[in-house]
C-alpha atoms as a PDB file:
ATOM      1  CA  MET A   1      75.391 254.239 212.050  1.00  0.00           C
ATOM      2  CA  PHE A   2      77.374 253.805 209.207  1.00  0.00           C
ATOM      3  CA  ARG A   3      76.658 249.834 209.675  1.00  0.00           C
ATOM      4  CA  ASP A   4      73.353 250.493 210.041  1.00  0.00           C
ATOM      5  CA  GLU A   5      72.979 251.625 206.859  1.00  0.00           C
ATOM      6  CA  LEU A   6      75.079 249.842 204.765  1.00  0.00           C
ATOM      7  CA  TYR A   7      73.514 246.489 205.647  1.00  0.00           C
ATOM      8  CA  LYS A   8      69.164 247.366 204.659  1.00  0.00           C
ATOM      9  CA  PRO A   9      68.188 245.117 202.873  1.00  0.00           C
ATOM     10  CA  ASP A  10      67.517 248.337 199.843  1.00  0.00           C
ATOM     11  CA  THR A  11      70.646 248.961 200.720  1.00  0.00           C
ATOM     12  CA  ILE A  12      72.054 245.899 199.786  1.00  0.00           C
ATOM     13  CA  GLU A  13      69.897 245.490 196.918  1.00  0.00           C
ATOM     14  CA  ASP A  14      71.107 248.272 195.247  1.00  0.00           C
ATOM     15  CA  PHE A  15      74.256 247.232 195.924  1.00  0.00           C
ATOM     16  CA  HIS A  16      74.370 244.222 194.187  1.00  0.00           C
ATOM     17  CA  ASP A  17      72.137 245.472 191.565  1.00  0.00           C
ATOM     18  CA  GLU A  18      74.919 247.832 190.872  1.00  0.00           C
ATOM     19  CA  SER A  19      77.765 245.039 190.840  1.00  0.00           C
ATOM     20  CA  GLU A  20      75.299 242.994 188.258  1.00  0.00           C
ATOM     21  CA  GLN A  21      75.118 246.382 186.426  1.00  0.00           C
ATOM     22  CA  ASN A  22      79.592 247.181 186.606  1.00  0.00           C
ATOM     23  CA  ALA A  23      80.341 242.447 186.357  1.00  0.00           C
ATOM     24  CA  ASP A  24      77.922 243.280 182.856  1.00  0.00           C
ATOM     25  CA  ASP A  25      80.494 245.620 181.440  1.00  0.00           C
ATOM     26  CA  LEU A  26      83.403 244.048 182.147  1.00  0.00           C
ATOM     27  CA  PRO A  27      84.039 241.539 179.328  1.00  0.00           C
ATOM     28  CA  ARG A  28      83.427 244.761 177.077  1.00  0.00           C
ATOM     29  CA  LEU A  29      86.448 246.373 178.120  1.00  0.00           C
ATOM     30  CA  PHE A  30      88.317 243.034 176.368  1.00  0.00           C
ATOM     31  CA  GLU A  31      86.103 243.475 173.266  1.00  0.00           C
ATOM     32  CA  ARG A  32      88.479 244.187 170.645  1.00  0.00           C
ATOM     33  CA  PRO A  33      87.259 247.516 168.686  1.00  0.00           C
ATOM     34  CA  PRO A  34      85.315 247.112 165.343  1.00  0.00           C
ATOM     35  CA  THR A  35      87.684 247.674 162.293  1.00  0.00           C
ATOM     36  CA  SER A  36      85.485 248.706 159.923  1.00  0.00           C
ATOM     37  CA  SER A  37      85.835 253.178 161.846  1.00  0.00           C
ATOM     38  CA  HIS A  38      89.887 252.481 160.370  1.00  0.00           C
ATOM     39  CA  ALA A  39      89.675 254.023 157.227  1.00  0.00           C
ATOM     40  CA  ASP A  40      93.448 253.574 154.865  1.00  0.00           C
ATOM     41  CA  VAL A  41      94.461 255.571 153.475  1.00  0.00           C
ATOM     42  CA  PRO A  42      96.694 255.267 150.826  1.00  0.00           C
ATOM     43  CA  VAL A  43     100.662 256.985 150.979  1.00  0.00           C
ATOM     44  CA  HIS A  44     103.053 257.683 148.348  1.00  0.00           C
ATOM     45  CA  HIS A  45     105.998 257.659 150.498  1.00  0.00           C
ATOM     46  CA  PRO A  46     106.742 255.606 153.812  1.00  0.00           C
ATOM     47  CA  TYR A  47     106.624 257.785 156.823  1.00  0.00           C
ATOM     48  CA  LEU A  48     109.622 256.260 158.690  1.00  0.00           C
ATOM     49  CA  THR A  49     113.137 257.574 156.837  1.00  0.00           C
ATOM     50  CA  MET A  50     116.468 255.844 158.268  1.00  0.00           C
ATOM     51  CA  PRO A  51     118.235 257.515 160.774  1.00  0.00           C
ATOM     52  CA  ASP A  52     121.572 259.037 159.717  1.00  0.00           C
ATOM     53  CA  ALA A  53     124.358 257.638 160.284  1.00  0.00           C
ATOM     54  CA  GLU A  54     126.839 258.023 163.722  1.00  0.00           C
ATOM     55  CA  HIS A  55     129.632 260.187 163.695  1.00  0.00           C
ATOM     56  CA  VAL A  56     132.076 259.336 165.156  1.00  0.00           C
ATOM     57  CA  SER A  57     133.053 262.131 168.220  1.00  0.00           C
ATOM     58  CA  ALA A  58     136.518 262.897 170.499  1.00  0.00           C
ATOM     59  CA  SER A  59     134.844 261.210 173.464  1.00  0.00           C
ATOM     60  CA  ASP A  60     134.058 258.198 171.477  1.00  0.00           C
ATOM     61  CA  LEU A  61     138.049 257.400 170.528  1.00  0.00           C
ATOM     62  CA  ALA A  62     139.318 259.050 173.386  1.00  0.00           C
ATOM     63  CA  MET A  63     137.283 256.063 174.926  1.00  0.00           C
ATOM     64  CA  THR A  64     138.298 253.627 173.474  1.00  0.00           C
ATOM     65  CA  ARG A  65     141.919 254.026 172.696  1.00  0.00           C
ATOM     66  CA  LEU A  66     141.060 253.849 176.987  1.00  0.00           C
ATOM     67  CA  VAL A  67     139.999 250.327 176.456  1.00  0.00           C
ATOM     68  CA  VAL A  68     143.083 249.177 173.887  1.00  0.00           C
ATOM     69  CA  GLY A  69     144.998 250.867 176.450  1.00  0.00           C
ATOM     70  CA  ILE A  70     144.143 248.879 179.171  1.00  0.00           C
ATOM     71  CA  PHE A  71     143.428 245.958 177.449  1.00  0.00           C
ATOM     72  CA  ALA A  72     147.259 245.819 176.023  1.00  0.00           C
ATOM     73  CA  PHE A  73     148.333 246.566 179.636  1.00  0.00           C
ATOM     74  CA  GLU A  74     146.758 243.991 181.466  1.00  0.00           C
ATOM     75  CA  THR A  75     147.868 241.530 178.601  1.00  0.00           C
ATOM     76  CA  THR A  76     151.277 242.009 178.888  1.00  0.00           C
ATOM     77  CA  ARG A  77     151.277 241.605 181.987  1.00  0.00           C
ATOM     78  CA  THR A  78     149.628 238.114 181.857  1.00  0.00           C
ATOM     79  CA  ILE A  79     152.089 237.064 179.508  1.00  0.00           C
ATOM     80  CA  ARG A  80     154.990 238.433 181.394  1.00  0.00           C
ATOM     81  CA  ASP A  81     153.921 236.829 184.321  1.00  0.00           C
ATOM     82  CA  ARG A  82     153.831 233.389 182.822  1.00  0.00           C
ATOM     83  CA  VAL A  83     157.210 234.078 180.979  1.00  0.00           C
ATOM     84  CA  HIS A  84     158.416 234.566 184.410  1.00  0.00           C
ATOM     85  CA  LYS A  85     156.752 231.394 185.948  1.00  0.00           C
ATOM     86  CA  LEU A  86     158.205 229.225 183.232  1.00  0.00           C
ATOM     87  CA  ARG A  87     161.555 230.446 183.497  1.00  0.00           C
ATOM     88  CA  GLY A  88     161.416 229.803 187.673  1.00  0.00           C
ATOM     89  CA  GLY A  89     160.699 232.659 189.029  1.00  0.00           C
END
């Protein structure tokens, strides 16, 4: 029933007319807007400012100490193992 109504000749022509109109509208979506509608307003100072310098927090210091400690431990262990192998152990 719906299919019979859809495939009537006048319905198909209406559909084709609508699709042609929509196809003509599609390229206009990608056109650049006119620049004459934008007004330039001079300013005396920039609106963007530099952010304040971040301060080091206690958690940053703790994490740095942890990373340096692990790095020092692993470096010491690697050197000790190589020396042990060189001495014949």
